[in-house]
Full PDB file with SEQRES, HELIX, SHEET, SSBOND, CRYST1, ORIGX, SCALE, CONECT and MASTER records, all heavy atoms in Angstrom:
SEQRES   1 A   37  SER GLY GLY TRP LEU ARG ARG ALA ALA LEU ALA GLN ALA          
SEQRES   2 A   37  LEU VAL SER LYS PRO SER ILE LEU LEU LEU ASP GLU PRO          
SEQRES   3 A   37  THR ASN HIS LEU ASP VAL ASP THR ILE ALA TRP                  
HELIX    1 AA1 GLY A    2  LEU A   14  1                                  13    
HELIX    2 AA2 VAL A   32  ALA A   36  1                                   5    
CRYST1    1.000    1.000    1.000  90.00  90.00  90.00 P 1           1          
ORIGX1      1.000000  0.000000  0.000000        0.00000                         
ORIGX2      0.000000  1.000000  0.000000        0.00000                         
ORIGX3      0.000000  0.000000  1.000000        0.00000                         
SCALE1      1.000000  0.000000  0.000000        0.00000                         
SCALE2      0.000000  1.000000  0.000000        0.00000                         
SCALE3      0.000000  0.000000  1.000000        0.00000                         
ATOM      1  N   SER A   1      31.161  14.594 -26.776  1.00  0.00           N  
ATOM      2  CA  SER A   1      32.231  15.261 -27.644  1.00  0.00           C  
ATOM      3  C   SER A   1      32.243  16.750 -27.414  1.00  0.00           C  
ATOM      4  O   SER A   1      31.327  17.274 -26.823  1.00  0.00           O  
ATOM      5  CB  SER A   1      32.164  14.928 -29.075  1.00  0.00           C  
ATOM      6  OG  SER A   1      30.920  15.497 -29.630  1.00  0.00           O  
ATOM      7  N   GLY A   2      33.192  17.428 -28.031  1.00  0.00           N  
ATOM      8  CA  GLY A   2      33.294  18.887 -27.826  1.00  0.00           C  
ATOM      9  C   GLY A   2      32.053  19.646 -28.365  1.00  0.00           C  
ATOM     10  O   GLY A   2      31.555  20.573 -27.711  1.00  0.00           O  
ATOM     11  N   GLY A   3      31.540  19.272 -29.521  1.00  0.00           N  
ATOM     12  CA  GLY A   3      30.318  19.868 -30.020  1.00  0.00           C  
ATOM     13  C   GLY A   3      29.110  19.697 -29.167  1.00  0.00           C  
ATOM     14  O   GLY A   3      28.343  20.654 -28.974  1.00  0.00           O  
ATOM     15  N   TRP A   4      28.900  18.475 -28.534  1.00  0.00           N  
ATOM     16  CA  TRP A   4      27.782  18.212 -27.738  1.00  0.00           C  
ATOM     17  C   TRP A   4      27.982  18.914 -26.399  1.00  0.00           C  
ATOM     18  O   TRP A   4      27.037  19.279 -25.680  1.00  0.00           O  
ATOM     19  CB  TRP A   4      27.534  16.726 -27.518  1.00  0.00           C  
ATOM     20  CG  TRP A   4      27.008  16.099 -28.765  1.00  0.00           C  
ATOM     21  CD1 TRP A   4      27.693  15.413 -29.656  1.00  0.00           C  
ATOM     22  CD2 TRP A   4      25.610  16.141 -29.174  1.00  0.00           C  
ATOM     23  NE1 TRP A   4      26.770  15.043 -30.648  1.00  0.00           N  
ATOM     24  CE2 TRP A   4      25.606  15.420 -30.388  1.00  0.00           C  
ATOM     25  CE3 TRP A   4      24.562  16.758 -28.656  1.00  0.00           C  
ATOM     26  CZ2 TRP A   4      24.299  15.356 -31.042  1.00  0.00           C  
ATOM     27  CZ3 TRP A   4      23.290  16.660 -29.340  1.00  0.00           C  
ATOM     28  CH2 TRP A   4      23.206  15.937 -30.509  1.00  0.00           C  
ATOM     29  N   LEU A   5      29.244  19.047 -25.905  1.00  0.00           N  
ATOM     30  CA  LEU A   5      29.544  19.869 -24.725  1.00  0.00           C  
ATOM     31  C   LEU A   5      29.156  21.267 -24.887  1.00  0.00           C  
ATOM     32  O   LEU A   5      28.594  21.978 -23.987  1.00  0.00           O  
ATOM     33  CB  LEU A   5      31.021  19.690 -24.309  1.00  0.00           C  
ATOM     34  CG  LEU A   5      31.509  18.502 -23.623  1.00  0.00           C  
ATOM     35  CD1 LEU A   5      33.035  18.403 -23.484  1.00  0.00           C  
ATOM     36  CD2 LEU A   5      30.858  18.335 -22.244  1.00  0.00           C  
ATOM     37  N   ARG A   6      29.347  21.810 -26.124  1.00  0.00           N  
ATOM     38  CA  ARG A   6      28.942  23.188 -26.421  1.00  0.00           C  
ATOM     39  C   ARG A   6      27.383  23.317 -26.298  1.00  0.00           C  
ATOM     40  O   ARG A   6      26.849  24.315 -25.890  1.00  0.00           O  
ATOM     41  CB  ARG A   6      29.423  23.571 -27.746  1.00  0.00           C  
ATOM     42  CG  ARG A   6      29.095  24.996 -28.247  1.00  0.00           C  
ATOM     43  CD  ARG A   6      29.635  25.996 -27.387  1.00  0.00           C  
ATOM     44  NE  ARG A   6      30.977  26.334 -27.749  1.00  0.00           N  
ATOM     45  CZ  ARG A   6      31.675  27.282 -27.113  1.00  0.00           C  
ATOM     46  NH1 ARG A   6      31.271  27.938 -26.076  1.00  0.00           N  
ATOM     47  NH2 ARG A   6      32.994  27.583 -27.513  1.00  0.00           N  
ATOM     48  N   ARG A   7      26.680  22.325 -26.819  1.00  0.00           N  
ATOM     49  CA  ARG A   7      25.216  22.281 -26.716  1.00  0.00           C  
ATOM     50  C   ARG A   7      24.752  22.316 -25.211  1.00  0.00           C  
ATOM     51  O   ARG A   7      23.866  22.970 -24.779  1.00  0.00           O  
ATOM     52  CB  ARG A   7      24.630  21.103 -27.392  1.00  0.00           C  
ATOM     53  CG  ARG A   7      24.782  21.141 -28.941  1.00  0.00           C  
ATOM     54  CD  ARG A   7      23.819  20.188 -29.575  1.00  0.00           C  
ATOM     55  NE  ARG A   7      24.045  20.063 -31.001  1.00  0.00           N  
ATOM     56  CZ  ARG A   7      23.137  19.669 -31.814  1.00  0.00           C  
ATOM     57  NH1 ARG A   7      21.884  19.307 -31.482  1.00  0.00           N  
ATOM     58  NH2 ARG A   7      23.351  19.630 -33.181  1.00  0.00           N  
ATOM     59  N   ALA A   8      25.554  21.490 -24.314  1.00  0.00           N  
ATOM     60  CA  ALA A   8      25.129  21.384 -22.987  1.00  0.00           C  
ATOM     61  C   ALA A   8      25.384  22.817 -22.378  1.00  0.00           C  
ATOM     62  O   ALA A   8      24.453  23.273 -21.499  1.00  0.00           O  
ATOM     63  CB  ALA A   8      25.993  20.426 -22.283  1.00  0.00           C  
ATOM     64  N   ALA A   9      26.417  23.551 -22.753  1.00  0.00           N  
ATOM     65  CA  ALA A   9      26.659  24.846 -22.127  1.00  0.00           C  
ATOM     66  C   ALA A   9      25.628  25.844 -22.639  1.00  0.00           C  
ATOM     67  O   ALA A   9      25.224  26.700 -21.838  1.00  0.00           O  
ATOM     68  CB  ALA A   9      28.058  25.278 -22.539  1.00  0.00           C  
ATOM     69  N   LEU A  10      25.130  25.653 -23.902  1.00  0.00           N  
ATOM     70  CA  LEU A  10      24.046  26.563 -24.368  1.00  0.00           C  
ATOM     71  C   LEU A  10      22.740  26.285 -23.640  1.00  0.00           C  
ATOM     72  O   LEU A  10      22.082  27.157 -23.301  1.00  0.00           O  
ATOM     73  CB  LEU A  10      23.923  26.300 -25.792  1.00  0.00           C  
ATOM     74  CG  LEU A  10      22.886  27.177 -26.605  1.00  0.00           C  
ATOM     75  CD1 LEU A  10      23.204  28.699 -26.448  1.00  0.00           C  
ATOM     76  CD2 LEU A  10      22.832  26.806 -28.155  1.00  0.00           C  
ATOM     77  N   ALA A  11      22.513  24.979 -23.319  1.00  0.00           N  
ATOM     78  CA  ALA A  11      21.404  24.666 -22.604  1.00  0.00           C  
ATOM     79  C   ALA A  11      21.348  25.261 -21.151  1.00  0.00           C  
ATOM     80  O   ALA A  11      20.336  25.756 -20.746  1.00  0.00           O  
ATOM     81  CB  ALA A  11      21.184  23.039 -22.453  1.00  0.00           C  
ATOM     82  N   GLN A  12      22.504  25.281 -20.502  1.00  0.00           N  
ATOM     83  CA  GLN A  12      22.667  25.891 -19.182  1.00  0.00           C  
ATOM     84  C   GLN A  12      22.356  27.367 -19.275  1.00  0.00           C  
ATOM     85  O   GLN A  12      21.804  27.869 -18.411  1.00  0.00           O  
ATOM     86  CB  GLN A  12      24.050  25.659 -18.615  1.00  0.00           C  
ATOM     87  CG  GLN A  12      24.256  26.141 -17.323  1.00  0.00           C  
ATOM     88  CD  GLN A  12      25.693  26.029 -16.849  1.00  0.00           C  
ATOM     89  OE1 GLN A  12      26.472  26.978 -17.114  1.00  0.00           O  
ATOM     90  NE2 GLN A  12      26.138  24.960 -16.137  1.00  0.00           N  
ATOM     91  N   ALA A  13      22.861  28.036 -20.447  1.00  0.00           N  
ATOM     92  CA  ALA A  13      22.689  29.437 -20.556  1.00  0.00           C  
ATOM     93  C   ALA A  13      21.197  29.805 -20.810  1.00  0.00           C  
ATOM     94  O   ALA A  13      20.672  30.863 -20.385  1.00  0.00           O  
ATOM     95  CB  ALA A  13      23.517  29.936 -21.706  1.00  0.00           C  
ATOM     96  N   LEU A  14      20.424  28.837 -21.453  1.00  0.00           N  
ATOM     97  CA  LEU A  14      19.053  29.200 -21.833  1.00  0.00           C  
ATOM     98  C   LEU A  14      18.023  28.703 -20.807  1.00  0.00           C  
ATOM     99  O   LEU A  14      16.846  29.100 -20.903  1.00  0.00           O  
ATOM    100  CB  LEU A  14      18.676  28.434 -23.168  1.00  0.00           C  
ATOM    101  CG  LEU A  14      19.499  28.980 -24.425  1.00  0.00           C  
ATOM    102  CD1 LEU A  14      19.212  28.085 -25.561  1.00  0.00           C  
ATOM    103  CD2 LEU A  14      19.151  30.365 -24.689  1.00  0.00           C  
ATOM    104  N   VAL A  15      18.387  28.074 -19.763  1.00  0.00           N  
ATOM    105  CA  VAL A  15      17.527  27.377 -18.832  1.00  0.00           C  
ATOM    106  C   VAL A  15      16.730  28.570 -18.103  1.00  0.00           C  
ATOM    107  O   VAL A  15      15.525  28.322 -17.733  1.00  0.00           O  
ATOM    108  CB  VAL A  15      18.172  26.521 -17.857  1.00  0.00           C  
ATOM    109  CG1 VAL A  15      19.018  27.274 -16.796  1.00  0.00           C  
ATOM    110  CG2 VAL A  15      17.225  25.678 -17.124  1.00  0.00           C  
ATOM    111  N   SER A  16      17.301  29.693 -17.943  1.00  0.00           N  
ATOM    112  CA  SER A  16      16.495  30.782 -17.218  1.00  0.00           C  
ATOM    113  C   SER A  16      15.741  31.730 -18.144  1.00  0.00           C  
ATOM    114  O   SER A  16      15.194  32.707 -17.793  1.00  0.00           O  
ATOM    115  CB  SER A  16      17.601  31.731 -16.465  1.00  0.00           C  
ATOM    116  OG  SER A  16      18.249  30.981 -15.429  1.00  0.00           O  
ATOM    117  N   LYS A  17      15.736  31.239 -19.357  1.00  0.00           N  
ATOM    118  CA  LYS A  17      14.811  32.048 -20.495  1.00  0.00           C  
ATOM    119  C   LYS A  17      15.393  33.508 -20.480  1.00  0.00           C  
ATOM    120  O   LYS A  17      14.557  34.386 -20.250  1.00  0.00           O  
ATOM    121  CB  LYS A  17      13.393  31.965 -20.175  1.00  0.00           C  
ATOM    122  CG  LYS A  17      12.900  30.465 -20.176  1.00  0.00           C  
ATOM    123  CD  LYS A  17      11.328  30.446 -19.943  1.00  0.00           C  
ATOM    124  CE  LYS A  17      10.895  28.971 -20.098  1.00  0.00           C  
ATOM    125  NZ  LYS A  17       9.431  28.825 -19.775  1.00  0.00           N  
ATOM    126  N   PRO A  18      16.596  33.686 -20.816  1.00  0.00           N  
ATOM    127  CA  PRO A  18      17.157  35.051 -20.736  1.00  0.00           C  
ATOM    128  C   PRO A  18      16.606  35.889 -21.935  1.00  0.00           C  
ATOM    129  O   PRO A  18      16.189  35.392 -23.022  1.00  0.00           O  
ATOM    130  CB  PRO A  18      18.622  34.886 -21.027  1.00  0.00           C  
ATOM    131  CG  PRO A  18      18.796  33.606 -21.759  1.00  0.00           C  
ATOM    132  CD  PRO A  18      17.639  32.705 -21.256  1.00  0.00           C  
ATOM    133  N   SER A  19      16.599  37.186 -21.752  1.00  0.00           N  
ATOM    134  CA  SER A  19      16.230  38.165 -22.798  1.00  0.00           C  
ATOM    135  C   SER A  19      17.392  38.667 -23.487  1.00  0.00           C  
ATOM    136  O   SER A  19      17.379  39.154 -24.698  1.00  0.00           O  
ATOM    137  CB  SER A  19      15.446  39.237 -22.229  1.00  0.00           C  
ATOM    138  OG  SER A  19      15.974  39.830 -21.204  1.00  0.00           O  
ATOM    139  N   ILE A  20      18.619  38.381 -22.916  1.00  0.00           N  
ATOM    140  CA  ILE A  20      19.874  38.833 -23.566  1.00  0.00           C  
ATOM    141  C   ILE A  20      20.865  37.584 -23.400  1.00  0.00           C  
ATOM    142  O   ILE A  20      21.111  37.170 -22.234  1.00  0.00           O  
ATOM    143  CB  ILE A  20      20.496  40.057 -22.863  1.00  0.00           C  
ATOM    144  CG1 ILE A  20      19.523  41.277 -23.012  1.00  0.00           C  
ATOM    145  CG2 ILE A  20      21.885  40.345 -23.535  1.00  0.00           C  
ATOM    146  CD1 ILE A  20      20.076  42.456 -22.136  1.00  0.00           C  
ATOM    147  N   LEU A  21      21.387  37.120 -24.510  1.00  0.00           N  
ATOM    148  CA  LEU A  21      22.340  36.059 -24.507  1.00  0.00           C  
ATOM    149  C   LEU A  21      23.699  36.448 -25.009  1.00  0.00           C  
ATOM    150  O   LEU A  21      23.810  37.051 -26.064  1.00  0.00           O  
ATOM    151  CB  LEU A  21      21.790  34.871 -25.328  1.00  0.00           C  
ATOM    152  CG  LEU A  21      22.590  33.617 -25.464  1.00  0.00           C  
ATOM    153  CD1 LEU A  21      22.892  33.050 -24.058  1.00  0.00           C  
ATOM    154  CD2 LEU A  21      22.033  32.548 -26.375  1.00  0.00           C  
ATOM    155  N   LEU A  22      24.669  36.308 -24.146  1.00  0.00           N  
ATOM    156  CA  LEU A  22      26.161  36.692 -24.516  1.00  0.00           C  
ATOM    157  C   LEU A  22      26.862  35.389 -24.869  1.00  0.00           C  
ATOM    158  O   LEU A  22      26.804  34.401 -24.171  1.00  0.00           O  
ATOM    159  CB  LEU A  22      26.751  37.355 -23.269  1.00  0.00           C  
ATOM    160  CG  LEU A  22      25.905  38.450 -22.564  1.00  0.00           C  
ATOM    161  CD1 LEU A  22      26.782  38.935 -21.323  1.00  0.00           C  
ATOM    162  CD2 LEU A  22      25.743  39.601 -23.538  1.00  0.00           C  
ATOM    163  N   LEU A  23      27.520  35.507 -26.079  1.00  0.00           N  
ATOM    164  CA  LEU A  23      28.119  34.234 -26.550  1.00  0.00           C  
ATOM    165  C   LEU A  23      29.632  34.693 -26.955  1.00  0.00           C  
ATOM    166  O   LEU A  23      29.808  35.598 -27.753  1.00  0.00           O  
ATOM    167  CB  LEU A  23      27.444  33.607 -27.749  1.00  0.00           C  
ATOM    168  CG  LEU A  23      25.969  33.297 -27.641  1.00  0.00           C  
ATOM    169  CD1 LEU A  23      25.166  34.309 -28.501  1.00  0.00           C  
ATOM    170  CD2 LEU A  23      25.639  31.921 -28.117  1.00  0.00           C  
ATOM    171  N   ASP A  24      30.552  33.899 -26.392  1.00  0.00           N  
ATOM    172  CA  ASP A  24      31.974  34.143 -26.655  1.00  0.00           C  
ATOM    173  C   ASP A  24      32.485  32.986 -27.539  1.00  0.00           C  
ATOM    174  O   ASP A  24      32.677  31.809 -27.079  1.00  0.00           O  
ATOM    175  CB  ASP A  24      32.774  34.159 -25.357  1.00  0.00           C  
ATOM    176  CG  ASP A  24      34.116  34.821 -25.473  1.00  0.00           C  
ATOM    177  OD1 ASP A  24      34.624  34.963 -26.598  1.00  0.00           O  
ATOM    178  OD2 ASP A  24      34.855  35.118 -24.453  1.00  0.00           O  
ATOM    179  N   GLU A  25      32.821  33.351 -28.787  1.00  0.00           N  
ATOM    180  CA  GLU A  25      33.277  32.501 -29.827  1.00  0.00           C  
ATOM    181  C   GLU A  25      32.360  31.131 -29.821  1.00  0.00           C  
ATOM    182  O   GLU A  25      32.867  30.042 -29.592  1.00  0.00           O  
ATOM    183  CB  GLU A  25      34.813  32.006 -29.545  1.00  0.00           C  
ATOM    184  CG  GLU A  25      35.781  33.129 -29.694  1.00  0.00           C  
ATOM    185  CD  GLU A  25      35.886  33.592 -31.101  1.00  0.00           C  
ATOM    186  OE1 GLU A  25      35.377  32.920 -32.078  1.00  0.00           O  
ATOM    187  OE2 GLU A  25      36.701  34.445 -31.391  1.00  0.00           O  
ATOM    188  N   PRO A  26      31.162  31.252 -30.084  1.00  0.00           N  
ATOM    189  CA  PRO A  26      30.231  30.077 -30.065  1.00  0.00           C  
ATOM    190  C   PRO A  26      30.451  28.962 -31.032  1.00  0.00           C  
ATOM    191  O   PRO A  26      29.961  27.811 -30.900  1.00  0.00           O  
ATOM    192  CB  PRO A  26      28.804  30.725 -30.285  1.00  0.00           C  
ATOM    193  CG  PRO A  26      29.123  31.949 -31.088  1.00  0.00           C  
ATOM    194  CD  PRO A  26      30.438  32.436 -30.593  1.00  0.00           C  
ATOM    195  N   THR A  27      31.218  29.344 -32.123  1.00  0.00           N  
ATOM    196  CA  THR A  27      31.435  28.210 -33.252  1.00  0.00           C  
ATOM    197  C   THR A  27      32.702  27.527 -32.915  1.00  0.00           C  
ATOM    198  O   THR A  27      32.908  26.453 -33.720  1.00  0.00           O  
ATOM    199  CB  THR A  27      31.491  28.760 -34.606  1.00  0.00           C  
ATOM    200  OG1 THR A  27      32.652  29.777 -34.596  1.00  0.00           O  
ATOM    201  CG2 THR A  27      30.212  29.578 -34.882  1.00  0.00           C  
ATOM    202  N   ASN A  28      33.512  27.806 -31.899  1.00  0.00           N  
ATOM    203  CA  ASN A  28      34.708  26.993 -31.559  1.00  0.00           C  
ATOM    204  C   ASN A  28      34.385  25.625 -31.332  1.00  0.00           C  
ATOM    205  O   ASN A  28      33.347  25.262 -30.600  1.00  0.00           O  
ATOM    206  CB  ASN A  28      35.419  27.585 -30.387  1.00  0.00           C  
ATOM    207  CG  ASN A  28      36.305  28.732 -30.866  1.00  0.00           C  
ATOM    208  OD1 ASN A  28      36.394  29.213 -31.999  1.00  0.00           O  
ATOM    209  ND2 ASN A  28      37.073  29.288 -29.812  1.00  0.00           N  
ATOM    210  N   HIS A  29      35.099  24.634 -31.841  1.00  0.00           N  
ATOM    211  CA  HIS A  29      34.996  23.152 -31.504  1.00  0.00           C  
ATOM    212  C   HIS A  29      33.714  22.580 -32.263  1.00  0.00           C  
ATOM    213  O   HIS A  29      33.358  21.450 -31.955  1.00  0.00           O  
ATOM    214  CB  HIS A  29      35.008  22.839 -30.093  1.00  0.00           C  
ATOM    215  CG  HIS A  29      36.104  23.505 -29.347  1.00  0.00           C  
ATOM    216  ND1 HIS A  29      37.402  23.200 -29.419  1.00  0.00           N  
ATOM    217  CD2 HIS A  29      36.101  24.626 -28.437  1.00  0.00           C  
ATOM    218  CE1 HIS A  29      38.096  23.894 -28.733  1.00  0.00           C  
ATOM    219  NE2 HIS A  29      37.384  24.725 -28.080  1.00  0.00           N  
ATOM    220  N   LEU A  30      32.961  23.342 -33.029  1.00  0.00           N  
ATOM    221  CA  LEU A  30      31.877  22.851 -33.731  1.00  0.00           C  
ATOM    222  C   LEU A  30      32.135  22.486 -35.224  1.00  0.00           C  
ATOM    223  O   LEU A  30      32.919  23.176 -35.816  1.00  0.00           O  
ATOM    224  CB  LEU A  30      30.654  23.902 -33.671  1.00  0.00           C  
ATOM    225  CG  LEU A  30      30.184  24.346 -32.377  1.00  0.00           C  
ATOM    226  CD1 LEU A  30      28.910  25.245 -32.426  1.00  0.00           C  
ATOM    227  CD2 LEU A  30      29.865  23.151 -31.467  1.00  0.00           C  
ATOM    228  N   ASP A  31      31.587  21.386 -35.740  1.00  0.00           N  
ATOM    229  CA  ASP A  31      31.670  21.046 -37.152  1.00  0.00           C  
ATOM    230  C   ASP A  31      30.702  21.958 -37.909  1.00  0.00           C  
ATOM    231  O   ASP A  31      29.843  22.715 -37.363  1.00  0.00           O  
ATOM    232  CB  ASP A  31      31.533  19.615 -37.330  1.00  0.00           C  
ATOM    233  CG  ASP A  31      30.153  19.128 -36.864  1.00  0.00           C  
ATOM    234  OD1 ASP A  31      29.134  19.715 -37.219  1.00  0.00           O  
ATOM    235  OD2 ASP A  31      30.120  18.004 -36.178  1.00  0.00           O  
ATOM    236  N   VAL A  32      30.828  21.851 -39.202  1.00  0.00           N  
ATOM    237  CA  VAL A  32      30.153  22.647 -40.063  1.00  0.00           C  
ATOM    238  C   VAL A  32      28.603  22.500 -40.021  1.00  0.00           C  
ATOM    239  O   VAL A  32      27.822  23.486 -40.010  1.00  0.00           O  
ATOM    240  CB  VAL A  32      30.574  22.486 -41.595  1.00  0.00           C  
ATOM    241  CG1 VAL A  32      29.738  23.274 -42.581  1.00  0.00           C  
ATOM    242  CG2 VAL A  32      32.027  22.808 -41.785  1.00  0.00           C  
ATOM    243  N   ASP A  33      28.183  21.241 -39.967  1.00  0.00           N  
ATOM    244  CA  ASP A  33      26.686  21.010 -39.814  1.00  0.00           C  
ATOM    245  C   ASP A  33      26.073  21.599 -38.508  1.00  0.00           C  
ATOM    246  O   ASP A  33      25.038  22.130 -38.528  1.00  0.00           O  
ATOM    247  CB  ASP A  33      26.442  19.540 -39.915  1.00  0.00           C  
ATOM    248  CG  ASP A  33      26.733  18.863 -41.307  1.00  0.00           C  
ATOM    249  OD1 ASP A  33      26.789  19.701 -42.245  1.00  0.00           O  
ATOM    250  OD2 ASP A  33      26.885  17.707 -41.407  1.00  0.00           O  
ATOM    251  N   THR A  34      26.926  21.483 -37.471  1.00  0.00           N  
ATOM    252  CA  THR A  34      26.508  21.959 -36.200  1.00  0.00           C  
ATOM    253  C   THR A  34      26.461  23.480 -36.161  1.00  0.00           C  
ATOM    254  O   THR A  34      25.519  24.141 -35.548  1.00  0.00           O  
ATOM    255  CB  THR A  34      27.411  21.512 -35.041  1.00  0.00           C  
ATOM    256  OG1 THR A  34      27.417  20.040 -35.101  1.00  0.00           O  
ATOM    257  CG2 THR A  34      26.793  21.860 -33.685  1.00  0.00           C  
ATOM    258  N   ILE A  35      27.412  24.142 -36.822  1.00  0.00           N  
ATOM    259  CA  ILE A  35      27.403  25.547 -36.950  1.00  0.00           C  
ATOM    260  C   ILE A  35      26.136  26.033 -37.664  1.00  0.00           C  
ATOM    261  O   ILE A  35      25.553  27.056 -37.415  1.00  0.00           O  
ATOM    262  CB  ILE A  35      28.799  26.062 -37.668  1.00  0.00           C  
ATOM    263  CG1 ILE A  35      29.927  25.871 -36.829  1.00  0.00           C  
ATOM    264  CG2 ILE A  35      28.613  27.517 -38.053  1.00  0.00           C  
ATOM    265  CD1 ILE A  35      31.306  26.086 -37.460  1.00  0.00           C  
ATOM    266  N   ALA A  36      25.831  25.372 -38.849  1.00  0.00           N  
ATOM    267  CA  ALA A  36      24.609  25.821 -39.575  1.00  0.00           C  
ATOM    268  C   ALA A  36      23.439  25.565 -38.724  1.00  0.00           C  
ATOM    269  O   ALA A  36      22.429  26.346 -38.754  1.00  0.00           O  
ATOM    270  CB  ALA A  36      24.601  24.812 -40.827  1.00  0.00           C  
ATOM    271  N   TRP A  37      23.356  24.512 -37.948  1.00  0.00           N  
ATOM    272  CA  TRP A  37      22.255  24.272 -36.886  1.00  0.00           C  
ATOM    273  C   TRP A  37      22.182  25.411 -35.904  1.00  0.00           C  
ATOM    274  O   TRP A  37      21.128  25.952 -35.711  1.00  0.00           O  
ATOM    275  CB  TRP A  37      22.384  22.982 -36.291  1.00  0.00           C  
ATOM    276  CG  TRP A  37      21.504  22.767 -35.160  1.00  0.00           C  
ATOM    277  CD1 TRP A  37      20.201  22.264 -35.256  1.00  0.00           C  
ATOM    278  CD2 TRP A  37      21.655  23.129 -33.796  1.00  0.00           C  
ATOM    279  NE1 TRP A  37      19.583  22.208 -33.900  1.00  0.00           N  
ATOM    280  CE2 TRP A  37      20.513  22.854 -32.992  1.00  0.00           C  
ATOM    281  CE3 TRP A  37      22.753  23.647 -33.042  1.00  0.00           C  
ATOM    282  CZ2 TRP A  37      20.458  23.021 -31.635  1.00  0.00           C  
ATOM    283  CZ3 TRP A  37      22.734  23.828 -31.694  1.00  0.00           C  
ATOM    284  CH2 TRP A  37      21.519  23.570 -30.991  1.00  0.00           C  
TER     285      TRP A  37                                                      
MASTER        0    0    0    2    0    0    0    6  284    1    0    3          
END                                                                             
């Protein structure tokens, strides 16, 4: 679903263990519980 796709994209961004993470509208398509998480 859209929320789990957002998690997959976040995993792709984190795989290189960045020291700076850029996020463009990270809460879009996420439900309230996932936003809190």
